[in-house]
C-alpha atoms as a PDB file:
ATOM      1  CA  MET A   1       0.000   0.000   0.000  1.00  0.00           C
ATOM      2  CA  TYR A   2       1.259   3.442  -0.904  1.00  0.00           C
ATOM      3  CA  ASP A   3       1.603   6.254   1.583  1.00  0.00           C
ATOM      4  CA  PHE A   4       1.150   9.847   0.418  1.00  0.00           C
ATOM      5  CA  VAL A   5       2.561  13.335   0.844  1.00  0.00           C
ATOM      6  CA  VAL A   6       0.797  16.573  -0.094  1.00  0.00           C
ATOM      7  CA  ILE A   7       3.193  19.439  -0.778  1.00  0.00           C
ATOM      8  CA  ASN A   8       2.330  22.860   0.677  1.00  0.00           C
ATOM      9  CA  SER A   9       1.405  24.480  -2.630  1.00  0.00           C
ATOM     10  CA  CYS A  10      -1.025  21.634  -3.299  1.00  0.00           C
ATOM     11  CA  ARG A  11      -2.610  22.190   0.137  1.00  0.00           C
ATOM     12  CA  LYS A  12      -3.105  25.845  -0.763  1.00  0.00           C
ATOM     13  CA  ASP A  13      -4.706  24.864  -4.086  1.00  0.00           C
ATOM     14  CA  PHE A  14      -7.022  22.504  -2.253  1.00  0.00           C
ATOM     15  CA  LYS A  15      -8.082  25.144   0.296  1.00  0.00           C
ATOM     16  CA  LYS A  16      -9.084  27.516  -2.528  1.00  0.00           C
ATOM     17  CA  LEU A  17     -11.760  25.058  -3.684  1.00  0.00           C
ATOM     18  CA  ASN A  18     -15.245  25.202  -2.187  1.00  0.00           C
ATOM     19  CA  ARG A  19     -16.085  22.714   0.584  1.00  0.00           C
ATOM     20  CA  GLU A  20     -18.263  20.483  -1.556  1.00  0.00           C
ATOM     21  CA  THR A  21     -15.531  20.120  -4.182  1.00  0.00           C
ATOM     22  CA  GLN A  22     -12.910  19.484  -1.477  1.00  0.00           C
ATOM     23  CA  LYS A  23     -15.034  16.714  -0.011  1.00  0.00           C
ATOM     24  CA  PHE A  24     -15.564  15.107  -3.423  1.00  0.00           C
ATOM     25  CA  ILE A  25     -11.873  15.229  -4.319  1.00  0.00           C
ATOM     26  CA  ARG A  26     -10.770  13.988  -0.903  1.00  0.00           C
ATOM     27  CA  HIS A  27     -13.160  11.038  -0.724  1.00  0.00           C
ATOM     28  CA  PHE A  28     -13.454  10.045  -4.359  1.00  0.00           C
ATOM     29  CA  CYS A  29     -10.335  11.111  -6.246  1.00  0.00           C
ATOM     30  CA  PHE A  30      -7.612  10.764  -3.620  1.00  0.00           C
ATOM     31  CA  SER A  31      -8.954   7.380  -2.492  1.00  0.00           C
ATOM     32  CA  LYS A  32      -9.027   6.108  -6.103  1.00  0.00           C
ATOM     33  CA  ILE A  33      -5.445   7.243  -6.666  1.00  0.00           C
ATOM     34  CA  LEU A  34      -4.273   5.660  -3.416  1.00  0.00           C
ATOM     35  CA  GLN A  35      -5.940   2.358  -4.337  1.00  0.00           C
ATOM     36  CA  ASN A  36      -4.362   2.318  -7.792  1.00  0.00           C
ATOM     37  CA  PRO A  37      -1.689   4.993  -8.342  1.00  0.00           C
ATOM     38  CA  TYR A  38      -1.289   4.039 -11.988  1.00  0.00           C
ATOM     39  CA  ILE A  39      -4.878   5.053 -12.801  1.00  0.00           C
ATOM     40  CA  GLY A  40      -3.604   8.456 -13.943  1.00  0.00           C
ATOM     41  CA  LYS A  41      -2.245   9.289 -17.373  1.00  0.00           C
ATOM     42  CA  LYS A  42       1.357  10.319 -17.987  1.00  0.00           C
ATOM     43  CA  LEU A  43       1.867  13.932 -18.962  1.00  0.00           C
ATOM     44  CA  LYS A  44       3.684  14.698 -22.188  1.00  0.00           C
ATOM     45  CA  GLY A  45       6.785  16.854 -22.456  1.00  0.00           C
ATOM     46  CA  LYS A  46      10.309  16.792 -21.077  1.00  0.00           C
ATOM     47  CA  GLU A  47       9.518  18.959 -18.076  1.00  0.00           C
ATOM     48  CA  PHE A  48       6.657  16.654 -17.035  1.00  0.00           C
ATOM     49  CA  GLN A  49       8.461  13.314 -17.037  1.00  0.00           C
ATOM     50  CA  LYS A  50       7.368  10.885 -14.313  1.00  0.00           C
ATOM     51  CA  ILE A  51       4.284  12.980 -13.517  1.00  0.00           C
ATOM     52  CA  LEU A  52       0.763  11.605 -13.732  1.00  0.00           C
ATOM     53  CA  LYS A  53      -2.586  13.377 -13.889  1.00  0.00           C
ATOM     54  CA  PHE A  54      -6.021  12.245 -12.831  1.00  0.00           C
ATOM     55  CA  GLY A  55      -8.858  14.185 -14.415  1.00  0.00           C
ATOM     56  CA  ILE A  56     -12.421  14.375 -13.154  1.00  0.00           C
ATOM     57  CA  ALA A  57     -15.500  16.472 -13.868  1.00  0.00           C
ATOM     58  CA  PHE A  58     -17.548  17.749 -10.944  1.00  0.00           C
ATOM     59  CA  LYS A  59     -20.504  20.109 -11.307  1.00  0.00           C
ATOM     60  CA  THR A  60     -19.632  21.234 -14.841  1.00  0.00           C
ATOM     61  CA  THR A  61     -15.986  21.981 -13.980  1.00  0.00           C
ATOM     62  CA  ASP A  62     -13.050  19.800 -15.003  1.00  0.00           C
ATOM     63  CA  TYR A  63     -10.386  19.286 -12.341  1.00  0.00           C
ATOM     64  CA  ARG A  64      -6.899  17.828 -12.582  1.00  0.00           C
ATOM     65  CA  ILE A  65      -4.856  16.218  -9.832  1.00  0.00           C
ATOM     66  CA  VAL A  66      -1.152  15.939 -10.589  1.00  0.00           C
ATOM     67  CA  TYR A  67       1.077  13.567  -8.674  1.00  0.00           C
ATOM     68  CA  LYS A  68       4.345  11.663  -8.791  1.00  0.00           C
ATOM     69  CA  ILE A  69       5.006   8.095  -7.664  1.00  0.00           C
ATOM     70  CA  GLU A  70       8.172   7.233  -5.738  1.00  0.00           C
ATOM     71  CA  LYS A  71       8.270   3.468  -6.352  1.00  0.00           C
ATOM     72  CA  GLU A  72      11.264   2.761  -4.093  1.00  0.00           C
ATOM     73  CA  LYS A  73       9.681   4.463  -1.078  1.00  0.00           C
ATOM     74  CA  LEU A  74       6.057   3.517  -1.918  1.00  0.00           C
ATOM     75  CA  ILE A  75       4.997   7.164  -1.692  1.00  0.00           C
ATOM     76  CA  ILE A  76       2.633   9.217  -3.829  1.00  0.00           C
ATOM     77  CA  ILE A  77       3.474  12.937  -3.889  1.00  0.00           C
ATOM     78  CA  PHE A  78       0.521  15.171  -4.731  1.00  0.00           C
ATOM     79  CA  ILE A  79       1.813  18.231  -6.585  1.00  0.00           C
ATOM     80  CA  MET A  80      -1.227  20.206  -7.684  1.00  0.00           C
ATOM     81  CA  VAL A  81      -5.033  20.255  -7.629  1.00  0.00           C
ATOM     82  CA  ALA A  82      -6.761  22.755  -9.900  1.00  0.00           C
ATOM     83  CA  SER A  83      -9.408  23.314 -12.516  1.00  0.00           C
ATOM     84  CA  ARG A  84      -8.425  22.738 -16.114  1.00  0.00           C
ATOM     85  CA  GLU A  85      -8.358  26.449 -16.923  1.00  0.00           C
ATOM     86  CA  ASN A  86      -4.711  27.611 -17.323  1.00  0.00           C
ATOM     87  CA  PHE A  87      -3.675  24.351 -15.691  1.00  0.00           C
ATOM     88  CA  TYR A  88      -0.471  23.738 -17.637  1.00  0.00           C
ATOM     89  CA  LYS A  89       0.760  27.311 -17.238  1.00  0.00           C
ATOM     90  CA  LYS A  90       0.409  26.976 -13.454  1.00  0.00           C
ATOM     91  CA  LEU A  91       2.055  23.564 -13.499  1.00  0.00           C
ATOM     92  CA  LYS A  92       5.084  24.799 -15.463  1.00  0.00           C
ATOM     93  CA  LYS A  93       5.665  27.492 -12.847  1.00  0.00           C
ATOM     94  CA  ARG A  94       5.475  24.947 -10.069  1.00  0.00           C
ATOM     95  CA  ILE A  95       7.866  22.380 -11.509  1.00  0.00           C
END
């Protein structure tokens, strides 16, 4: 079973979401990723190597959860949670 780490910037992203969306992402998305970390799709591009994304639609808004898997340590590192709008621009700044 994988353990997980949420980096500080991801916590800030998460707190910006409304409570209902937070609850949905916490209980549905995070639990799915923890059960099967390879459910996400690999991102394309040199700067995004070894990073996976899990996309979900909730109440007419598309959200993306970006994470990295540390196989040796059995840890999932959550990097970013945000809506799809300007998602890749924000991600490039973060990585």
